[in-house]
Protein backbone atom coordinates (compact mmCIF):
# COMPACT_ATOMS: atom_id res chain seq x y z
CA ASN A 1 14.77 -8.18 -3.66
CA THR A 2 11.98 -10.74 -3.87
CA LEU A 3 8.74 -10.40 -1.96
CA LEU A 4 10.26 -12.43 0.86
CA ASP A 5 13.44 -10.36 1.11
CA LEU A 6 13.36 -7.05 2.90
CA PRO A 7 16.22 -4.67 3.55
CA ASP A 8 17.57 -4.55 7.09
CA THR A 9 15.69 -1.33 7.85
CA ILE A 10 12.54 0.10 6.32
CA HIS A 11 11.84 3.69 7.28
CA VAL A 12 8.14 4.14 7.91
CA GLU A 13 7.49 7.66 6.75
CA PHE A 14 4.27 9.50 6.27
CA ASP A 15 3.24 12.69 4.62
CA PRO A 16 1.91 15.14 7.24
CA ARG A 17 -0.80 16.07 4.71
CA VAL A 18 -2.14 12.52 5.01
CA MET A 19 -2.48 12.98 8.77
CA GLU A 20 -4.29 16.28 8.14
CA VAL A 21 -6.75 14.46 5.89
CA ILE A 22 -7.28 11.73 8.49
CA SER A 23 -7.84 14.39 11.15
CA LYS A 24 -10.38 16.17 8.93
CA LEU A 25 -12.20 12.91 8.17
CA ALA A 26 -12.39 12.06 11.88
CA SER A 27 -13.59 15.56 12.74
CA ASP A 28 -16.20 15.53 9.97
CA ALA A 29 -17.43 12.13 11.13
CA ALA A 30 -17.79 13.42 14.70
CA GLU A 31 -19.72 16.49 13.51
CA ARG A 32 -22.11 14.16 11.70
CA LYS A 33 -22.43 11.94 14.77
CA ARG A 34 -20.60 9.13 12.94
CA LYS A 35 -17.89 6.86 14.29
CA PHE A 36 -14.42 6.88 12.76
CA MET A 37 -11.93 4.03 12.99
CA VAL A 38 -8.40 3.66 11.68
CA LEU A 39 -7.09 0.13 11.54
CA VAL A 40 -3.32 -0.42 11.48
CA MET A 41 -2.96 -3.65 9.52
CA PRO A 42 -0.99 -6.61 10.88
CA ALA A 43 2.66 -7.38 10.25
CA GLU A 44 4.76 -10.36 11.28
CA ARG A 45 6.59 -9.87 14.59
CA ASP A 46 10.04 -10.27 12.98
CA ALA A 47 9.29 -7.28 10.76
CA PHE A 48 9.15 -4.71 13.55
CA HIS A 49 12.88 -4.49 14.15
CA ARG A 50 13.06 -3.42 10.49
CA PHE A 51 10.41 -0.68 10.66
CA ALA A 52 12.18 2.45 11.84
CA GLY A 53 9.58 4.99 12.91
CA TYR A 54 6.68 2.57 13.28
CA GLN A 55 5.60 3.79 16.72
CA LYS A 56 5.95 7.40 15.59
CA TYR A 57 3.56 6.56 12.73
CA VAL A 58 0.99 4.96 15.07
CA ASN A 59 1.27 7.91 17.47
CA ALA A 60 0.71 10.33 14.58
CA LEU A 61 -2.45 8.42 13.64
CA ILE A 62 -3.68 8.56 17.24
CA ASN A 63 -2.95 12.29 17.36
CA ALA A 64 -4.74 12.88 14.05
CA VAL A 65 -7.87 11.07 15.18
CA GLN A 66 -7.78 12.49 18.73
CA ASN A 67 -11.15 12.15 20.46
CA ASN A 68 -13.09 11.88 17.19
CA GLY A 69 -12.60 8.15 16.70
CA VAL A 70 -10.40 5.23 17.50
CA VAL A 71 -7.10 3.86 16.19
CA ILE A 72 -6.77 0.11 16.46
CA ASP A 73 -3.21 -1.14 16.10
CA VAL A 74 -3.62 -4.82 15.32
CA ASN A 75 0.06 -5.29 16.12
CA ALA A 76 -0.45 -4.36 19.77
CA SER A 77 -1.60 -7.97 20.16
CA ASP A 78 0.39 -11.11 19.34
CA GLN A 79 -2.64 -12.67 17.68
CA PHE A 80 -1.55 -12.05 14.05
CA GLN A 81 2.22 -11.98 14.34
CA ASP A 82 3.18 -15.63 13.79
CA LYS A 83 5.09 -16.39 10.58
CA GLU A 84 2.62 -19.13 9.65
CA TYR A 85 0.01 -16.43 8.84
CA TYR A 86 2.13 -14.47 6.35
CA TYR A 87 3.03 -14.59 2.70
CA ASN A 88 5.77 -12.09 3.50
CA TYR A 89 6.43 -9.74 6.42
CA THR A 90 3.47 -7.48 5.79
CA HIS A 91 0.98 -9.51 3.74
CA LEU A 92 -1.20 -12.21 5.22
CA ASN A 93 -1.50 -15.56 3.46
CA MET A 94 -4.85 -17.34 3.03
CA GLN A 95 -4.76 -18.78 6.57
CA GLY A 96 -3.87 -15.39 8.08
CA ALA A 97 -6.45 -13.58 5.97
CA ALA A 98 -9.19 -15.98 7.09
CA LEU A 99 -8.24 -15.54 10.75
CA PHE A 100 -7.98 -11.76 10.39
CA SER A 101 -11.31 -11.50 8.55
CA SER A 102 -13.11 -13.42 11.30
CA TRP A 103 -11.47 -11.28 13.99
CA PHE A 104 -12.28 -8.07 12.12
CA ALA A 105 -15.95 -9.05 11.65
CA GLU A 106 -16.20 -9.66 15.41
CA LEU A 107 -14.49 -6.34 16.13
CA ILE A 108 -16.93 -4.45 13.91
CA GLN A 109 -19.86 -6.18 15.61
CA GLU A 110 -18.43 -5.37 19.05
CA LYS A 111 -17.62 -1.73 18.24
CA THR A 112 -20.99 -1.19 16.56
CA THR A 113 -22.77 -2.44 19.65
CA GLU A 114 -20.44 -0.50 21.96
CA LEU A 115 -20.84 2.79 20.10
CA ARG A 116 -24.63 2.84 19.84
């Protein structure tokens, strides 16, 4: 396979220990009166039919963070899912990276203000 070729199905799996670590980080941040954010990076819309278990993964992240932070699934919006923004299904090209970086900077500014 080349970078542009993906198998028909990619199983998104995660080690439960990773979720335990994320949960501990979120809890520790809350104890220290710090904000904790997990960002699920963008993927092209055509990729999602290939990602078996994607929503289970996002739900596990949300469960791990619970009330001690926020999980932002960039893919919940159509903003970054057009093919023109991608080098391959899961990696942004220069145009997509520039757009994402601007959006992310605004998000950080917004969340910082919101969480004060």
